[in-house]
N, C-alpha and C. Protein backbone atom coordinates (compact mmCIF):
# COMPACT_ATOMS: atom_id res chain seq x y z
N UNK A 1 16.61 5.13 -1.00
CA UNK A 1 15.32 5.74 -1.27
C UNK A 1 14.30 5.23 -0.25
N UNK A 2 13.43 6.08 0.18
CA UNK A 2 12.40 5.78 1.19
C UNK A 2 11.30 4.98 0.54
N UNK A 3 10.96 3.80 1.06
CA UNK A 3 9.90 2.93 0.48
C UNK A 3 8.61 3.09 1.23
N UNK A 4 7.52 3.28 0.47
CA UNK A 4 6.17 3.39 1.02
C UNK A 4 5.30 2.35 0.37
N UNK A 5 4.58 1.60 1.19
CA UNK A 5 3.60 0.65 0.67
C UNK A 5 2.23 1.29 0.83
N UNK A 6 1.56 1.41 -0.26
CA UNK A 6 0.21 2.01 -0.30
C UNK A 6 -0.78 0.90 -0.56
N UNK A 7 -1.65 0.63 0.40
CA UNK A 7 -2.60 -0.46 0.29
C UNK A 7 -3.97 0.20 0.09
N UNK A 8 -4.38 0.29 -1.16
CA UNK A 8 -5.59 1.01 -1.55
C UNK A 8 -6.23 0.20 -2.72
N UNK A 9 -7.54 -0.10 -2.60
CA UNK A 9 -8.20 -0.87 -3.65
C UNK A 9 -8.82 -0.01 -4.75
N UNK A 10 -8.97 1.27 -4.54
CA UNK A 10 -9.46 2.19 -5.55
C UNK A 10 -8.31 2.56 -6.46
N UNK A 11 -8.38 2.11 -7.71
CA UNK A 11 -7.26 2.30 -8.65
C UNK A 11 -6.98 3.76 -8.90
N UNK A 12 -8.04 4.57 -9.06
CA UNK A 12 -7.87 5.99 -9.34
C UNK A 12 -7.18 6.68 -8.18
N UNK A 13 -7.60 6.42 -6.96
CA UNK A 13 -7.02 7.00 -5.77
C UNK A 13 -5.58 6.52 -5.60
N UNK A 14 -5.34 5.26 -5.81
CA UNK A 14 -3.98 4.71 -5.70
C UNK A 14 -3.04 5.42 -6.68
N UNK A 15 -3.47 5.54 -7.92
CA UNK A 15 -2.65 6.18 -8.93
C UNK A 15 -2.36 7.64 -8.59
N UNK A 16 -3.32 8.35 -8.12
CA UNK A 16 -3.13 9.77 -7.78
C UNK A 16 -2.17 9.94 -6.62
N UNK A 17 -2.32 9.15 -5.59
CA UNK A 17 -1.42 9.23 -4.44
C UNK A 17 -0.01 8.79 -4.81
N UNK A 18 0.08 7.73 -5.62
CA UNK A 18 1.41 7.27 -6.05
C UNK A 18 2.13 8.32 -6.85
N UNK A 19 1.43 9.00 -7.77
CA UNK A 19 2.02 10.05 -8.57
C UNK A 19 2.55 11.18 -7.68
N UNK A 20 1.77 11.61 -6.72
CA UNK A 20 2.16 12.70 -5.82
C UNK A 20 3.39 12.31 -4.98
N UNK A 21 3.39 11.10 -4.43
CA UNK A 21 4.50 10.69 -3.61
C UNK A 21 5.77 10.48 -4.48
N UNK A 22 5.62 9.98 -5.70
CA UNK A 22 6.75 9.81 -6.57
C UNK A 22 7.40 11.11 -6.96
N UNK A 23 6.62 12.20 -6.99
CA UNK A 23 7.19 13.53 -7.28
C UNK A 23 8.21 13.94 -6.18
N UNK A 24 8.04 13.39 -5.00
CA UNK A 24 8.94 13.69 -3.88
C UNK A 24 10.05 12.62 -3.76
N UNK A 25 10.21 11.82 -4.80
CA UNK A 25 11.24 10.78 -4.89
C UNK A 25 11.06 9.62 -3.91
N UNK A 26 9.82 9.33 -3.56
CA UNK A 26 9.54 8.15 -2.76
C UNK A 26 9.28 6.96 -3.70
N UNK A 27 9.73 5.76 -3.28
CA UNK A 27 9.42 4.55 -4.00
C UNK A 27 8.08 4.06 -3.45
N UNK A 28 7.07 3.97 -4.31
CA UNK A 28 5.73 3.62 -3.85
C UNK A 28 5.38 2.21 -4.41
N UNK A 29 5.01 1.34 -3.52
CA UNK A 29 4.59 -0.01 -3.91
C UNK A 29 3.12 -0.21 -3.62
N UNK A 30 2.43 -0.92 -4.47
CA UNK A 30 1.04 -1.22 -4.27
C UNK A 30 0.82 -2.71 -4.08
N UNK A 31 -0.30 -3.05 -3.55
CA UNK A 31 -0.66 -4.45 -3.36
C UNK A 31 -1.49 -4.90 -4.53
N UNK A 32 -1.17 -6.05 -5.09
CA UNK A 32 -1.93 -6.56 -6.24
C UNK A 32 -2.91 -7.64 -5.86
N UNK A 33 -2.60 -8.36 -4.78
CA UNK A 33 -3.46 -9.44 -4.30
C UNK A 33 -3.81 -9.12 -2.83
N UNK A 34 -5.06 -8.75 -2.58
CA UNK A 34 -5.47 -8.34 -1.22
C UNK A 34 -5.61 -9.52 -0.27
N UNK A 35 -5.42 -10.74 -0.74
CA UNK A 35 -5.38 -11.89 0.14
C UNK A 35 -3.98 -12.15 0.66
N UNK A 36 -3.00 -11.50 0.03
CA UNK A 36 -1.59 -11.71 0.39
C UNK A 36 -0.88 -10.42 0.79
N UNK A 37 -1.55 -9.58 1.51
CA UNK A 37 -0.98 -8.31 1.94
C UNK A 37 0.27 -8.53 2.77
N UNK A 38 0.24 -9.42 3.72
CA UNK A 38 1.35 -9.69 4.61
C UNK A 38 2.58 -10.19 3.84
N UNK A 39 2.36 -11.07 2.85
CA UNK A 39 3.49 -11.59 2.05
C UNK A 39 4.13 -10.47 1.24
N UNK A 40 3.30 -9.59 0.65
CA UNK A 40 3.85 -8.49 -0.11
C UNK A 40 4.59 -7.48 0.78
N UNK A 41 4.03 -7.24 1.96
CA UNK A 41 4.68 -6.40 2.97
C UNK A 41 6.08 -6.94 3.32
N UNK A 42 6.14 -8.24 3.58
CA UNK A 42 7.41 -8.89 3.93
C UNK A 42 8.43 -8.81 2.79
N UNK A 43 7.93 -8.93 1.57
CA UNK A 43 8.85 -8.90 0.42
C UNK A 43 9.41 -7.49 0.21
N UNK A 44 8.56 -6.46 0.35
CA UNK A 44 8.99 -5.08 0.08
C UNK A 44 9.75 -4.50 1.25
N UNK A 45 9.34 -4.77 2.48
CA UNK A 45 9.90 -4.21 3.71
C UNK A 45 9.93 -2.69 3.67
N UNK A 46 8.76 -2.06 3.57
CA UNK A 46 8.69 -0.61 3.47
C UNK A 46 8.97 0.07 4.82
N UNK A 47 9.36 1.36 4.73
CA UNK A 47 9.56 2.13 5.96
C UNK A 47 8.22 2.72 6.44
N UNK A 48 7.25 2.85 5.56
CA UNK A 48 5.96 3.42 5.89
C UNK A 48 4.87 2.66 5.16
N UNK A 49 3.71 2.42 5.81
CA UNK A 49 2.57 1.81 5.18
C UNK A 49 1.37 2.75 5.31
N UNK A 50 0.73 3.03 4.19
CA UNK A 50 -0.51 3.81 4.19
C UNK A 50 -1.57 2.80 3.75
N UNK A 51 -2.55 2.56 4.65
CA UNK A 51 -3.51 1.51 4.39
C UNK A 51 -4.95 2.01 4.45
N UNK A 52 -5.74 1.61 3.51
CA UNK A 52 -7.17 1.89 3.49
C UNK A 52 -7.85 1.00 4.53
N UNK A 53 -8.89 1.51 5.15
CA UNK A 53 -9.65 0.73 6.14
C UNK A 53 -10.56 -0.27 5.45
N UNK A 54 -11.26 0.18 4.39
CA UNK A 54 -12.23 -0.67 3.72
C UNK A 54 -11.59 -1.32 2.50
N UNK A 55 -11.12 -2.54 2.72
CA UNK A 55 -10.48 -3.32 1.68
C UNK A 55 -11.28 -4.57 1.38
N UNK A 56 -11.07 -5.18 0.21
CA UNK A 56 -11.74 -6.46 -0.06
C UNK A 56 -11.12 -7.55 0.81
N UNK A 57 -11.87 -8.56 1.11
CA UNK A 57 -11.47 -9.71 1.91
C UNK A 57 -11.33 -9.36 3.39
N UNK A 58 -10.24 -8.70 3.77
CA UNK A 58 -9.98 -8.32 5.16
C UNK A 58 -9.83 -6.80 5.19
N UNK A 59 -10.32 -6.15 6.25
CA UNK A 59 -10.20 -4.70 6.34
C UNK A 59 -8.81 -4.29 6.82
N UNK A 60 -8.54 -3.00 6.77
CA UNK A 60 -7.26 -2.45 7.16
C UNK A 60 -6.91 -2.74 8.62
N UNK A 61 -7.92 -2.80 9.51
CA UNK A 61 -7.67 -3.10 10.90
C UNK A 61 -7.13 -4.52 11.08
N UNK A 62 -7.63 -5.44 10.26
CA UNK A 62 -7.16 -6.84 10.31
C UNK A 62 -5.65 -6.86 10.02
N UNK A 63 -5.22 -6.16 8.98
CA UNK A 63 -3.82 -6.19 8.59
C UNK A 63 -2.93 -5.45 9.60
N UNK A 64 -3.46 -4.47 10.28
CA UNK A 64 -2.69 -3.76 11.32
C UNK A 64 -2.45 -4.62 12.54
N UNK A 65 -3.43 -5.47 12.82
CA UNK A 65 -3.25 -6.36 13.99
C UNK A 65 -2.16 -7.35 13.73
C-alpha cells in the first residue's frame, strides 16, 4: 500500500484530506508532535509527504530543508 504522510495542523482539514485519500486506498499518516516531524517521518518512511507551510514551531520550509 502507498504511504502518505500528511503534515497539517488544522484538524478539520487533516481529517477531510485523510478521508479523501483513504477512499483511494492510500495509507495516510499524520504528525502528532510538530516538534518531532523528522522522527515521525523516519519511523513511517512514506512514499509521499504533503506538508503545510504554516505549522507551529517550525514552518514547512524548515522541514523540507
